[in-house]
Amino acid sequence: MSLDVSTVAAILAMALVTYGTRLAGIFVSGRLSLAGRNKAAFDAIPPAVLVAVIAPVVLATGPAETIAAVIAGLSAMRLPLLATIVIGVVAVVLLRTVMV
């Protein structure tokens, strides 16, 4: 297998752009003075990204994962993050064992 120079250059350029956007987000977000609707929209970005990543997996894998996600979601309303993660993982393991 040989490496094409243009392919390596494209991969490095994409890596630099990705890294640059992440750094820019960190530096720019600290300098923004947001109020009202803009602040609410900015605060909604992390949960929206989390849901966009998790929802396809939860809905496309199987009933055990879907039920475990509902259990974890309900526990997240009352418990801290670490407890929610533990409950979600235990629920997936138990439901996969029972539903096989």
Protein backbone atom coordinates (compact mmCIF):
# COMPACT_ATOMS: atom_id res chain seq x y z
CA MET A 1 0.00 0.00 0.00
CA SER A 2 1.34 3.40 -0.91
CA LEU A 3 0.36 6.77 0.45
CA ASP A 4 -0.81 9.41 -1.95
CA VAL A 5 0.57 12.85 -1.08
CA SER A 6 -2.72 14.59 -1.83
CA THR A 7 -4.63 12.17 0.39
CA VAL A 8 -2.27 12.73 3.31
CA ALA A 9 -2.43 16.50 2.75
CA ALA A 10 -6.24 16.40 2.72
CA ILE A 11 -6.33 14.38 5.96
CA LEU A 12 -3.91 16.77 7.66
CA ALA A 13 -5.87 19.80 6.44
CA MET A 14 -9.12 18.33 7.76
CA ALA A 15 -7.47 17.57 11.10
CA LEU A 16 -6.20 21.15 11.38
CA VAL A 17 -9.59 22.62 10.50
CA THR A 18 -11.34 20.35 13.02
CA TYR A 19 -8.86 21.22 15.75
CA GLY A 20 -9.09 24.91 14.86
CA THR A 21 -12.88 24.98 15.11
CA ARG A 22 -12.75 23.28 18.50
CA LEU A 23 -10.22 25.76 19.81
CA ALA A 24 -12.16 28.67 18.37
CA GLY A 25 -15.31 27.44 20.12
CA ILE A 26 -13.52 27.36 23.45
CA PHE A 27 -12.00 30.83 23.08
CA VAL A 28 -15.01 32.51 21.48
CA SER A 29 -17.59 31.12 23.91
CA GLY A 30 -15.79 32.74 26.85
CA ARG A 31 -15.87 36.15 25.20
CA LEU A 32 -19.51 36.19 24.20
CA SER A 33 -21.88 38.26 26.25
CA LEU A 34 -25.22 36.59 25.70
CA ALA A 35 -28.56 37.48 27.21
CA GLY A 36 -32.13 36.36 26.83
CA ARG A 37 -32.96 34.14 23.89
CA ASN A 38 -29.38 34.05 22.64
CA LYS A 39 -28.15 32.69 25.97
CA ALA A 40 -30.93 30.11 26.05
CA ALA A 41 -30.06 28.97 22.52
CA PHE A 42 -26.35 28.77 23.35
CA ASP A 43 -27.07 26.78 26.51
CA ALA A 44 -29.23 24.34 24.52
CA ILE A 45 -26.40 23.29 22.18
CA PRO A 46 -24.75 20.57 24.37
CA PRO A 47 -27.98 18.68 25.13
CA ALA A 48 -29.04 18.94 21.50
CA VAL A 49 -25.75 17.44 20.31
CA LEU A 50 -26.00 14.70 22.93
CA VAL A 51 -29.51 13.78 21.82
CA ALA A 52 -28.46 13.83 18.16
CA VAL A 53 -25.69 11.35 18.91
CA ILE A 54 -27.62 9.06 21.26
CA ALA A 55 -31.10 8.96 19.68
CA PRO A 56 -30.18 7.03 16.50
CA VAL A 57 -28.35 4.38 18.54
CA VAL A 58 -31.17 4.07 21.05
CA LEU A 59 -33.87 3.74 18.40
CA ALA A 60 -31.99 1.56 15.90
CA THR A 61 -30.35 -1.11 18.05
CA GLY A 62 -33.09 -2.97 19.88
CA PRO A 63 -35.76 -2.92 22.55
CA ALA A 64 -33.31 -3.51 25.42
CA GLU A 65 -31.35 -0.37 24.57
CA THR A 66 -34.52 1.68 24.07
CA ILE A 67 -35.96 0.63 27.43
CA ALA A 68 -32.61 1.22 29.16
CA ALA A 69 -32.45 4.71 27.64
CA VAL A 70 -35.90 5.50 29.01
CA ILE A 71 -34.85 4.22 32.44
CA ALA A 72 -31.66 6.30 32.33
CA GLY A 73 -33.61 9.35 31.18
CA LEU A 74 -36.06 9.03 34.03
CA SER A 75 -33.27 8.57 36.55
CA ALA A 76 -31.48 11.64 35.15
CA MET A 77 -34.38 13.79 36.30
CA ARG A 78 -33.65 13.02 39.96
CA LEU A 79 -30.12 11.64 40.28
CA PRO A 80 -26.63 12.97 39.60
CA LEU A 81 -24.80 12.14 36.38
CA LEU A 82 -22.65 9.30 37.72
CA ALA A 83 -25.66 7.52 39.22
CA THR A 84 -27.56 7.93 35.96
CA ILE A 85 -24.69 6.40 33.98
CA VAL A 86 -24.46 3.44 36.35
CA ILE A 87 -28.22 2.87 36.21
CA GLY A 88 -28.19 3.08 32.40
CA VAL A 89 -25.33 0.61 32.03
CA VAL A 90 -26.83 -1.84 34.54
CA ALA A 91 -30.21 -1.56 32.82
CA VAL A 92 -28.72 -2.36 29.41
CA VAL A 93 -26.80 -5.34 30.76
CA LEU A 94 -29.80 -6.77 32.62
CA LEU A 95 -32.24 -6.15 29.78
CA ARG A 96 -29.89 -7.70 27.20
CA THR A 97 -29.54 -10.74 29.47
CA VAL A 98 -33.27 -11.11 30.04
CA MET A 99 -34.42 -10.33 26.50
CA VAL A 100 -32.05 -12.67 24.63
